[in-house]
């Protein structure tokens, strides 16, 4: 809050959110580092939310028993429900520890992908002096390959496929951003 002519300035939560769009979350001393860190944090949060919502969905689906017609039978499901035995790790498949580990891994993957892509697009724009589809294609390809390398069973084919997909998506997004 600042004093302006005897009046105190108050900022709402919405004002704080709007100000974040203009400035950096971090000040690491260089715009490249600031951009990478901000992209990493934002995407990591999105990755964590996505992983948790997926786990919640699968937990909910496993808790509902369907009859022969495929319609959920709520009465049967509620009588067979056993207050989340998997969370305690009784079968080791869906323990809370495994959920946290998977959420952390996916959050790290999303953050790494966003940080690499953001850093590459910024660096290529600085080096080449322009931001065009070529920068997007290179940044998308390298990011796609990096994401493939962090997957569980990374093969040569999967790395090449992810690099091509990343380049195509990034290039399409760049080209379409000028249209819409």
N, C-alpha and C. Protein backbone atom coordinates (compact mmCIF):
# COMPACT_ATOMS: atom_id res chain seq x y z
N UNK A 1 0.84 -1.17 0.00
CA UNK A 1 0.00 0.00 0.00
C UNK A 1 0.88 1.24 0.00
N UNK A 2 0.44 2.22 -0.71
CA UNK A 2 1.20 3.46 -0.75
C UNK A 2 0.29 4.61 -0.40
N UNK A 3 0.89 5.62 0.15
CA UNK A 3 0.12 6.81 0.50
C UNK A 3 0.17 7.76 -0.67
N UNK A 4 -1.02 8.18 -1.12
CA UNK A 4 -1.11 9.06 -2.27
C UNK A 4 -2.05 10.20 -1.91
N UNK A 5 -1.51 11.32 -1.48
CA UNK A 5 -2.33 12.46 -1.13
C UNK A 5 -3.22 12.20 0.08
N UNK A 6 -2.75 11.45 1.04
CA UNK A 6 -3.53 11.19 2.22
C UNK A 6 -4.43 9.96 2.11
N UNK A 7 -4.55 9.41 0.92
CA UNK A 7 -5.39 8.21 0.73
C UNK A 7 -4.50 6.98 0.61
N UNK A 8 -4.94 5.92 1.20
CA UNK A 8 -4.22 4.66 1.07
C UNK A 8 -4.72 3.93 -0.16
N UNK A 9 -3.79 3.43 -0.96
CA UNK A 9 -4.15 2.67 -2.15
C UNK A 9 -4.33 1.22 -1.75
N UNK A 10 -5.45 0.64 -2.10
CA UNK A 10 -5.70 -0.77 -1.81
C UNK A 10 -5.75 -1.53 -3.13
N UNK A 11 -5.20 -2.71 -3.11
CA UNK A 11 -5.18 -3.54 -4.31
C UNK A 11 -5.94 -4.81 -4.02
N UNK A 12 -6.76 -5.19 -4.96
CA UNK A 12 -7.52 -6.42 -4.81
C UNK A 12 -6.69 -7.58 -5.33
N UNK A 13 -7.19 -8.78 -5.08
CA UNK A 13 -6.53 -9.99 -5.58
C UNK A 13 -6.46 -9.96 -7.10
N UNK A 14 -7.53 -9.49 -7.74
CA UNK A 14 -7.56 -9.40 -9.20
C UNK A 14 -6.50 -8.43 -9.72
N UNK A 15 -6.27 -7.34 -8.99
CA UNK A 15 -5.21 -6.41 -9.38
C UNK A 15 -3.84 -7.07 -9.32
N UNK A 16 -3.63 -7.90 -8.30
CA UNK A 16 -2.37 -8.62 -8.17
C UNK A 16 -2.17 -9.58 -9.34
N UNK A 17 -3.21 -10.28 -9.73
CA UNK A 17 -3.12 -11.22 -10.87
C UNK A 17 -2.80 -10.45 -12.14
N UNK A 18 -3.47 -9.34 -12.36
CA UNK A 18 -3.21 -8.54 -13.57
C UNK A 18 -1.78 -8.02 -13.60
N UNK A 19 -1.24 -7.65 -12.45
CA UNK A 19 0.12 -7.13 -12.42
C UNK A 19 1.14 -8.23 -12.71
N UNK A 20 0.79 -9.48 -12.45
CA UNK A 20 1.70 -10.58 -12.74
C UNK A 20 1.88 -10.76 -14.24
N UNK A 21 0.88 -10.38 -15.03
CA UNK A 21 1.00 -10.50 -16.49
C UNK A 21 2.03 -9.52 -17.03
N UNK A 22 2.22 -8.42 -16.35
CA UNK A 22 3.15 -7.39 -16.81
C UNK A 22 4.57 -7.63 -16.35
N UNK A 23 4.72 -8.23 -15.19
CA UNK A 23 6.05 -8.39 -14.62
C UNK A 23 6.40 -9.86 -14.46
N UNK A 24 7.58 -10.08 -13.98
CA UNK A 24 8.08 -11.43 -13.78
C UNK A 24 7.79 -11.89 -12.36
N UNK A 25 7.61 -13.17 -12.22
CA UNK A 25 7.47 -13.74 -10.88
C UNK A 25 8.82 -13.75 -10.17
N UNK A 26 9.88 -13.86 -10.97
CA UNK A 26 11.23 -13.95 -10.44
C UNK A 26 12.09 -12.85 -11.04
N UNK A 27 13.10 -12.46 -10.31
CA UNK A 27 14.11 -11.57 -10.86
C UNK A 27 15.45 -12.24 -10.62
N UNK A 28 15.89 -13.00 -11.62
CA UNK A 28 17.14 -13.74 -11.52
C UNK A 28 18.30 -13.00 -12.18
N UNK A 29 18.06 -11.76 -12.60
CA UNK A 29 19.13 -10.96 -13.13
C UNK A 29 19.25 -10.95 -14.64
N UNK A 30 18.53 -11.80 -15.33
CA UNK A 30 18.60 -11.83 -16.79
C UNK A 30 17.22 -12.20 -17.33
N UNK A 31 16.77 -11.54 -18.40
CA UNK A 31 15.44 -11.84 -18.93
C UNK A 31 15.27 -13.30 -19.36
N UNK A 32 16.33 -13.93 -19.87
CA UNK A 32 16.25 -15.33 -20.27
C UNK A 32 15.97 -16.22 -19.06
N UNK A 33 16.72 -16.01 -17.99
CA UNK A 33 16.51 -16.81 -16.78
C UNK A 33 15.14 -16.55 -16.17
N UNK A 34 14.71 -15.29 -16.17
CA UNK A 34 13.38 -14.95 -15.65
C UNK A 34 12.29 -15.67 -16.44
N UNK A 35 12.42 -15.66 -17.75
CA UNK A 35 11.41 -16.29 -18.62
C UNK A 35 11.38 -17.80 -18.41
N UNK A 36 12.53 -18.43 -18.34
CA UNK A 36 12.59 -19.89 -18.14
C UNK A 36 11.97 -20.26 -16.79
N UNK A 37 12.35 -19.54 -15.75
CA UNK A 37 11.83 -19.85 -14.41
C UNK A 37 10.33 -19.64 -14.33
N UNK A 38 9.84 -18.55 -14.90
CA UNK A 38 8.40 -18.29 -14.86
C UNK A 38 7.63 -19.34 -15.65
N UNK A 39 8.12 -19.70 -16.83
CA UNK A 39 7.45 -20.73 -17.63
C UNK A 39 7.45 -22.07 -16.91
N UNK A 40 8.58 -22.40 -16.29
CA UNK A 40 8.69 -23.66 -15.56
C UNK A 40 7.67 -23.73 -14.44
N UNK A 41 7.60 -22.69 -13.63
CA UNK A 41 6.70 -22.69 -12.48
C UNK A 41 5.24 -22.77 -12.91
N UNK A 42 4.86 -21.97 -13.90
CA UNK A 42 3.46 -21.98 -14.36
C UNK A 42 3.08 -23.34 -14.94
N UNK A 43 3.91 -23.89 -15.81
CA UNK A 43 3.59 -25.18 -16.43
C UNK A 43 3.65 -26.33 -15.43
N UNK A 44 4.58 -26.26 -14.48
CA UNK A 44 4.66 -27.31 -13.46
C UNK A 44 3.39 -27.34 -12.63
N UNK A 45 2.85 -26.19 -12.33
CA UNK A 45 1.58 -26.14 -11.61
C UNK A 45 0.44 -26.74 -12.41
N UNK A 46 0.41 -26.45 -13.69
CA UNK A 46 -0.61 -27.02 -14.56
C UNK A 46 -0.44 -28.53 -14.64
N UNK A 47 0.78 -29.00 -14.75
CA UNK A 47 1.04 -30.44 -14.79
C UNK A 47 0.61 -31.15 -13.53
N UNK A 48 0.84 -30.52 -12.38
CA UNK A 48 0.43 -31.10 -11.12
C UNK A 48 -1.09 -31.18 -11.02
N UNK A 49 -1.77 -30.13 -11.42
CA UNK A 49 -3.24 -30.12 -11.39
C UNK A 49 -3.79 -31.20 -12.32
N UNK A 50 -3.19 -31.33 -13.49
CA UNK A 50 -3.65 -32.35 -14.45
C UNK A 50 -3.45 -33.75 -13.89
N UNK A 51 -2.31 -34.01 -13.28
CA UNK A 51 -2.02 -35.34 -12.73
C UNK A 51 -2.96 -35.67 -11.57
N UNK A 52 -3.21 -34.71 -10.70
CA UNK A 52 -4.10 -34.94 -9.56
C UNK A 52 -5.54 -35.15 -10.03
N UNK A 53 -5.98 -34.37 -11.01
CA UNK A 53 -7.35 -34.55 -11.50
C UNK A 53 -7.51 -35.90 -12.19
N UNK A 54 -6.48 -36.36 -12.88
CA UNK A 54 -6.55 -37.68 -13.50
C UNK A 54 -6.65 -38.78 -12.44
N UNK A 55 -5.85 -38.67 -11.39
CA UNK A 55 -5.90 -39.65 -10.31
C UNK A 55 -7.26 -39.62 -9.62
N UNK A 56 -7.82 -38.43 -9.41
CA UNK A 56 -9.15 -38.32 -8.79
C UNK A 56 -10.21 -38.96 -9.67
N UNK A 57 -10.11 -38.76 -10.96
CA UNK A 57 -11.06 -39.36 -11.89
C UNK A 57 -11.00 -40.88 -11.82
N UNK A 58 -9.80 -41.45 -11.88
CA UNK A 58 -9.67 -42.90 -11.84
C UNK A 58 -10.13 -43.47 -10.50
N UNK A 59 -9.89 -42.75 -9.44
CA UNK A 59 -10.37 -43.20 -8.13
C UNK A 59 -11.89 -43.19 -8.09
N UNK A 60 -12.51 -42.16 -8.65
CA UNK A 60 -13.97 -42.09 -8.68
C UNK A 60 -14.56 -43.17 -9.57
N UNK A 61 -13.94 -43.42 -10.71
CA UNK A 61 -14.46 -44.43 -11.64
C UNK A 61 -14.35 -45.82 -11.03
N UNK A 62 -13.27 -46.09 -10.32
CA UNK A 62 -13.10 -47.40 -9.70
C UNK A 62 -14.09 -47.61 -8.56
N UNK A 63 -14.61 -46.52 -7.97
CA UNK A 63 -15.54 -46.62 -6.85
C UNK A 63 -16.96 -46.87 -7.27
N UNK A 64 -17.28 -46.71 -8.56
CA UNK A 64 -18.64 -46.91 -9.05
C UNK A 64 -18.73 -48.25 -9.73
N UNK A 65 -19.70 -49.06 -9.33
CA UNK A 65 -19.91 -50.38 -9.91
C UNK A 65 -21.04 -50.27 -10.93
N UNK A 66 -20.83 -50.80 -12.12
CA UNK A 66 -21.85 -50.74 -13.16
C UNK A 66 -22.58 -52.08 -13.24
N UNK A 67 -23.90 -52.00 -13.55
CA UNK A 67 -24.66 -53.23 -13.74
C UNK A 67 -24.47 -53.73 -15.16
N UNK A 68 -25.22 -54.73 -15.57
CA UNK A 68 -25.03 -55.34 -16.90
C UNK A 68 -25.33 -54.39 -18.04
N UNK A 69 -26.15 -53.36 -17.81
CA UNK A 69 -26.48 -52.40 -18.86
C UNK A 69 -25.43 -51.30 -18.98
N UNK A 70 -24.44 -51.28 -18.09
CA UNK A 70 -23.42 -50.25 -18.11
C UNK A 70 -23.80 -49.01 -17.32
N UNK A 71 -24.97 -49.05 -16.65
CA UNK A 71 -25.43 -47.92 -15.86
C UNK A 71 -24.87 -48.06 -14.44
N UNK A 72 -24.30 -47.01 -13.88
CA UNK A 72 -23.75 -47.11 -12.52
C UNK A 72 -24.84 -47.46 -11.51
N UNK A 73 -24.56 -48.42 -10.65
CA UNK A 73 -25.48 -48.84 -9.62
C UNK A 73 -25.00 -48.21 -8.31
N UNK A 74 -25.59 -47.10 -7.95
CA UNK A 74 -25.15 -46.32 -6.79
C UNK A 74 -25.35 -47.10 -5.49
N UNK A 75 -26.46 -47.81 -5.36
CA UNK A 75 -26.74 -48.55 -4.13
C UNK A 75 -25.69 -49.63 -3.90
N UNK A 76 -25.34 -50.37 -4.95
CA UNK A 76 -24.34 -51.42 -4.82
C UNK A 76 -22.96 -50.81 -4.58
N UNK A 77 -22.68 -49.71 -5.26
CA UNK A 77 -21.37 -49.08 -5.12
C UNK A 77 -21.17 -48.58 -3.71
N UNK A 78 -22.20 -47.98 -3.11
CA UNK A 78 -22.01 -47.44 -1.77
C UNK A 78 -21.89 -48.54 -0.73
N UNK A 79 -22.52 -49.69 -0.97
CA UNK A 79 -22.39 -50.78 0.00
C UNK A 79 -21.06 -51.50 -0.12
N UNK A 80 -20.42 -51.44 -1.29
CA UNK A 80 -19.14 -52.12 -1.49
C UNK A 80 -17.95 -51.19 -1.27
N UNK A 81 -18.21 -49.93 -1.04
CA UNK A 81 -17.12 -48.97 -0.88
C UNK A 81 -16.38 -49.24 0.42
N UNK A 82 -15.06 -49.15 0.35
CA UNK A 82 -14.27 -49.47 1.53
C UNK A 82 -13.28 -48.37 1.88
N UNK A 83 -13.71 -47.12 1.82
CA UNK A 83 -12.97 -45.96 2.31
C UNK A 83 -11.52 -45.92 1.85
N UNK A 84 -11.29 -46.07 0.58
CA UNK A 84 -9.98 -45.89 -0.04
C UNK A 84 -8.86 -46.73 0.59
N UNK A 85 -8.93 -48.05 0.47
CA UNK A 85 -7.84 -48.85 1.03
C UNK A 85 -6.53 -48.64 0.28
N UNK A 86 -6.63 -48.23 -0.99
CA UNK A 86 -5.42 -48.06 -1.79
C UNK A 86 -4.56 -46.90 -1.31
N UNK A 87 -5.18 -45.88 -0.70
CA UNK A 87 -4.43 -44.72 -0.25
C UNK A 87 -3.42 -45.12 0.83
N UNK A 88 -3.78 -46.11 1.61
CA UNK A 88 -2.87 -46.57 2.66
C UNK A 88 -1.77 -47.46 2.08
N UNK A 89 -1.89 -47.84 0.82
CA UNK A 89 -0.83 -48.63 0.20
C UNK A 89 -0.98 -50.12 0.40
N UNK A 90 -2.23 -50.58 0.61
CA UNK A 90 -2.42 -52.00 0.86
C UNK A 90 -2.07 -52.85 -0.35
N UNK A 91 -2.29 -52.32 -1.55
CA UNK A 91 -1.91 -53.10 -2.72
C UNK A 91 -0.70 -52.50 -3.45
N UNK A 92 -0.19 -51.38 -2.98
CA UNK A 92 1.02 -50.79 -3.54
C UNK A 92 0.83 -50.10 -4.87
N UNK A 93 -0.35 -50.22 -5.48
CA UNK A 93 -0.57 -49.66 -6.80
C UNK A 93 -1.00 -48.20 -6.75
N UNK A 94 -1.84 -47.84 -5.81
CA UNK A 94 -2.38 -46.50 -5.76
C UNK A 94 -2.15 -45.84 -4.40
N UNK A 95 -1.04 -46.13 -3.78
CA UNK A 95 -0.78 -45.53 -2.48
C UNK A 95 -0.56 -44.03 -2.65
N UNK A 96 -0.71 -43.31 -1.58
CA UNK A 96 -0.51 -41.87 -1.61
C UNK A 96 0.91 -41.53 -2.04
N UNK A 97 1.86 -42.34 -1.65
CA UNK A 97 3.25 -42.12 -2.03
C UNK A 97 3.43 -42.22 -3.55
N UNK A 98 2.77 -43.18 -4.16
CA UNK A 98 2.86 -43.35 -5.61
C UNK A 98 2.18 -42.18 -6.32
N UNK A 99 1.04 -41.74 -5.80
CA UNK A 99 0.34 -40.61 -6.40
C UNK A 99 1.20 -39.35 -6.33
N UNK A 100 1.83 -39.10 -5.20
CA UNK A 100 2.70 -37.93 -5.05
C UNK A 100 3.90 -38.04 -5.99
N UNK A 101 4.47 -39.23 -6.10
CA UNK A 101 5.63 -39.42 -6.98
C UNK A 101 5.24 -39.17 -8.44
N UNK A 102 4.10 -39.72 -8.87
CA UNK A 102 3.65 -39.52 -10.25
C UNK A 102 3.31 -38.06 -10.52
N UNK A 103 2.67 -37.41 -9.56
CA UNK A 103 2.34 -36.00 -9.71
C UNK A 103 3.61 -35.16 -9.82
N UNK A 104 4.58 -35.44 -8.99
CA UNK A 104 5.85 -34.71 -9.04
C UNK A 104 6.56 -34.91 -10.37
N UNK A 105 6.56 -36.15 -10.84
CA UNK A 105 7.23 -36.45 -12.10
C UNK A 105 6.55 -35.71 -13.26
N UNK A 106 5.22 -35.77 -13.29
CA UNK A 106 4.51 -35.11 -14.38
C UNK A 106 4.65 -33.59 -14.29
N UNK A 107 4.63 -33.06 -13.10
CA UNK A 107 4.83 -31.63 -12.90
C UNK A 107 6.20 -31.21 -13.39
N UNK A 108 7.21 -31.99 -13.08
CA UNK A 108 8.57 -31.71 -13.54
C UNK A 108 8.67 -31.78 -15.07
N UNK A 109 8.00 -32.76 -15.68
CA UNK A 109 8.03 -32.88 -17.14
C UNK A 109 7.38 -31.66 -17.80
N UNK A 110 6.21 -31.26 -17.32
CA UNK A 110 5.53 -30.10 -17.89
C UNK A 110 6.38 -28.85 -17.71
N UNK A 111 6.93 -28.66 -16.52
CA UNK A 111 7.76 -27.49 -16.27
C UNK A 111 9.01 -27.47 -17.13
N UNK A 112 9.65 -28.64 -17.26
CA UNK A 112 10.85 -28.73 -18.08
C UNK A 112 10.53 -28.40 -19.54
N UNK A 113 9.43 -28.93 -20.03
CA UNK A 113 9.06 -28.67 -21.43
C UNK A 113 8.81 -27.18 -21.65
N UNK A 114 8.07 -26.56 -20.75
CA UNK A 114 7.78 -25.13 -20.90
C UNK A 114 9.05 -24.29 -20.77
N UNK A 115 9.91 -24.63 -19.82
CA UNK A 115 11.15 -23.88 -19.65
C UNK A 115 12.08 -24.00 -20.84
N UNK A 116 12.22 -25.21 -21.36
CA UNK A 116 13.08 -25.43 -22.53
C UNK A 116 12.52 -24.66 -23.74
N UNK A 117 11.21 -24.80 -23.97
CA UNK A 117 10.61 -24.13 -25.13
C UNK A 117 10.72 -22.61 -25.01
N UNK A 118 10.39 -22.08 -23.85
CA UNK A 118 10.44 -20.64 -23.65
C UNK A 118 11.87 -20.11 -23.80
N UNK A 119 12.82 -20.82 -23.21
CA UNK A 119 14.21 -20.41 -23.32
C UNK A 119 14.73 -20.46 -24.74
N UNK A 120 14.36 -21.51 -25.45
CA UNK A 120 14.81 -21.64 -26.84
C UNK A 120 14.21 -20.57 -27.74
N UNK A 121 12.91 -20.31 -27.59
CA UNK A 121 12.30 -19.29 -28.44
C UNK A 121 12.90 -17.91 -28.15
N UNK A 122 13.15 -17.62 -26.88
CA UNK A 122 13.76 -16.35 -26.52
C UNK A 122 15.18 -16.27 -27.09
N UNK A 123 15.97 -17.31 -26.88
CA UNK A 123 17.35 -17.32 -27.37
C UNK A 123 17.44 -17.23 -28.88
N UNK A 124 16.59 -17.97 -29.57
CA UNK A 124 16.61 -17.92 -31.04
C UNK A 124 16.17 -16.56 -31.55
N UNK A 125 15.20 -15.94 -30.88
CA UNK A 125 14.79 -14.60 -31.29
C UNK A 125 15.93 -13.61 -31.09
N UNK A 126 16.66 -13.73 -30.00
CA UNK A 126 17.79 -12.83 -29.76
C UNK A 126 18.92 -13.06 -30.76
N UNK A 127 19.20 -14.31 -31.09
CA UNK A 127 20.30 -14.63 -32.00
C UNK A 127 19.96 -14.26 -33.44
N UNK A 128 18.77 -14.64 -33.88
CA UNK A 128 18.39 -14.40 -35.27
C UNK A 128 17.79 -13.01 -35.49
N UNK A 129 17.37 -12.35 -34.43
CA UNK A 129 16.80 -11.01 -34.58
C UNK A 129 15.34 -11.00 -34.99
N UNK A 130 14.72 -12.16 -35.08
CA UNK A 130 13.32 -12.25 -35.46
C UNK A 130 12.70 -13.49 -34.84
N UNK A 131 11.39 -13.46 -34.73
CA UNK A 131 10.67 -14.65 -34.26
C UNK A 131 9.73 -15.08 -35.37
N UNK A 132 10.06 -16.20 -36.00
CA UNK A 132 9.25 -16.69 -37.10
C UNK A 132 9.01 -18.19 -36.93
N UNK A 133 8.44 -18.80 -37.96
CA UNK A 133 8.09 -20.21 -37.89
C UNK A 133 9.32 -21.11 -37.75
N UNK A 134 10.46 -20.64 -38.26
CA UNK A 134 11.69 -21.44 -38.16
C UNK A 134 12.13 -21.58 -36.70
N UNK A 135 12.08 -20.48 -35.96
CA UNK A 135 12.39 -20.53 -34.54
C UNK A 135 11.44 -21.48 -33.82
N UNK A 136 10.17 -21.38 -34.15
CA UNK A 136 9.17 -22.24 -33.51
C UNK A 136 9.41 -23.70 -33.82
N UNK A 137 9.77 -24.00 -35.06
CA UNK A 137 10.01 -25.39 -35.45
C UNK A 137 11.21 -25.97 -34.70
N UNK A 138 12.29 -25.22 -34.62
CA UNK A 138 13.49 -25.71 -33.93
C UNK A 138 13.21 -25.88 -32.44
N UNK A 139 12.60 -24.87 -31.82
CA UNK A 139 12.29 -24.95 -30.39
C UNK A 139 11.32 -26.09 -30.10
N UNK A 140 10.31 -26.27 -30.95
CA UNK A 140 9.35 -27.36 -30.76
C UNK A 140 10.00 -28.73 -30.91
N UNK A 141 10.90 -28.87 -31.88
CA UNK A 141 11.57 -30.15 -32.09
C UNK A 141 12.47 -30.51 -30.90
N UNK A 142 13.24 -29.56 -30.43
CA UNK A 142 14.12 -29.84 -29.29
C UNK A 142 13.31 -30.12 -28.03
N UNK A 143 12.25 -29.36 -27.82
CA UNK A 143 11.38 -29.59 -26.66
C UNK A 143 10.71 -30.94 -26.74
N UNK A 144 10.21 -31.31 -27.92
CA UNK A 144 9.58 -32.63 -28.10
C UNK A 144 10.56 -33.76 -27.81
N UNK A 145 11.78 -33.63 -28.29
CA UNK A 145 12.78 -34.66 -28.01
C UNK A 145 13.10 -34.73 -26.52
N UNK A 146 13.18 -33.58 -25.86
CA UNK A 146 13.46 -33.56 -24.42
C UNK A 146 12.33 -34.22 -23.63
N UNK A 147 11.10 -33.97 -24.02
CA UNK A 147 9.95 -34.60 -23.35
C UNK A 147 10.00 -36.11 -23.55
N UNK A 148 10.32 -36.55 -24.75
CA UNK A 148 10.39 -37.99 -25.03
C UNK A 148 11.50 -38.64 -24.20
N UNK A 149 12.59 -37.95 -24.01
CA UNK A 149 13.69 -38.51 -23.22
C UNK A 149 13.33 -38.67 -21.74
N UNK A 150 12.37 -37.91 -21.26
CA UNK A 150 11.96 -38.03 -19.85
C UNK A 150 10.87 -39.07 -19.65
N UNK A 151 10.36 -39.67 -20.72
CA UNK A 151 9.33 -40.69 -20.56
C UNK A 151 9.96 -42.00 -20.09
N UNK A 152 9.12 -42.92 -19.65
CA UNK A 152 9.61 -44.16 -19.05
C UNK A 152 10.40 -45.04 -20.02
N UNK A 153 9.85 -45.28 -21.19
CA UNK A 153 10.50 -46.18 -22.16
C UNK A 153 10.83 -45.41 -23.43
N UNK A 154 11.83 -44.54 -23.36
CA UNK A 154 12.19 -43.72 -24.51
C UNK A 154 12.95 -44.56 -25.53
N UNK A 155 12.39 -44.66 -26.73
CA UNK A 155 13.07 -45.34 -27.82
C UNK A 155 13.45 -44.31 -28.88
N UNK A 156 14.30 -44.71 -29.79
CA UNK A 156 14.72 -43.82 -30.87
C UNK A 156 13.51 -43.33 -31.67
N UNK A 157 12.61 -44.24 -31.98
CA UNK A 157 11.42 -43.89 -32.75
C UNK A 157 10.54 -42.89 -32.00
N UNK A 158 10.39 -43.10 -30.70
CA UNK A 158 9.55 -42.21 -29.90
C UNK A 158 10.17 -40.81 -29.82
N UNK A 159 11.47 -40.73 -29.70
CA UNK A 159 12.15 -39.45 -29.64
C UNK A 159 11.97 -38.68 -30.94
N UNK A 160 12.15 -39.37 -32.07
CA UNK A 160 11.97 -38.73 -33.38
C UNK A 160 10.52 -38.30 -33.58
N UNK A 161 9.58 -39.16 -33.20
CA UNK A 161 8.16 -38.84 -33.35
C UNK A 161 7.79 -37.62 -32.50
N UNK A 162 8.25 -37.56 -31.27
CA UNK A 162 7.96 -36.41 -30.41
C UNK A 162 8.61 -35.14 -30.92
N UNK A 163 9.81 -35.25 -31.48
CA UNK A 163 10.48 -34.08 -32.04
C UNK A 163 9.70 -33.54 -33.24
N UNK A 164 9.24 -34.43 -34.10
CA UNK A 164 8.45 -34.01 -35.27
C UNK A 164 7.12 -33.41 -34.83
N UNK A 165 6.47 -34.05 -33.85
CA UNK A 165 5.19 -33.54 -33.35
C UNK A 165 5.37 -32.18 -32.70
N UNK A 166 6.42 -32.02 -31.88
CA UNK A 166 6.68 -30.73 -31.24
C UNK A 166 6.94 -29.63 -32.25
N UNK A 167 7.72 -29.95 -33.28
CA UNK A 167 7.99 -28.96 -34.32
C UNK A 167 6.72 -28.58 -35.07
N UNK A 168 5.90 -29.57 -35.39
CA UNK A 168 4.66 -29.30 -36.12
C UNK A 168 3.69 -28.47 -35.30
N UNK A 169 3.50 -28.83 -34.04
CA UNK A 169 2.57 -28.09 -33.18
C UNK A 169 3.05 -26.66 -32.94
N UNK A 170 4.32 -26.50 -32.69
CA UNK A 170 4.86 -25.18 -32.42
C UNK A 170 4.78 -24.29 -33.67
N UNK A 171 5.09 -24.86 -34.81
CA UNK A 171 5.02 -24.10 -36.06
C UNK A 171 3.58 -23.71 -36.37
N UNK A 172 2.66 -24.65 -36.21
CA UNK A 172 1.25 -24.35 -36.45
C UNK A 172 0.75 -23.26 -35.51
N UNK A 173 1.13 -23.33 -34.25
CA UNK A 173 0.71 -22.31 -33.29
C UNK A 173 1.27 -20.95 -33.68
N UNK A 174 2.52 -20.91 -34.14
CA UNK A 174 3.12 -19.66 -34.55
C UNK A 174 2.42 -19.08 -35.77
N UNK A 175 2.13 -19.93 -36.74
CA UNK A 175 1.48 -19.46 -37.96
C UNK A 175 0.03 -19.02 -37.69
N UNK A 176 -0.66 -19.75 -36.84
CA UNK A 176 -2.05 -19.42 -36.54
C UNK A 176 -2.18 -18.21 -35.62
N UNK A 177 -1.14 -17.89 -34.86
CA UNK A 177 -1.21 -16.73 -33.97
C UNK A 177 -1.31 -15.43 -34.74
N UNK A 178 -0.80 -15.42 -35.96
CA UNK A 178 -0.91 -14.23 -36.79
C UNK A 178 -2.28 -14.09 -37.43
N UNK A 179 -3.02 -15.17 -37.50
CA UNK A 179 -4.34 -15.14 -38.12
C UNK A 179 -5.43 -14.76 -37.13
N UNK A 180 -5.34 -15.33 -35.94
CA UNK A 180 -6.41 -15.12 -34.95
C UNK A 180 -6.04 -14.05 -34.01
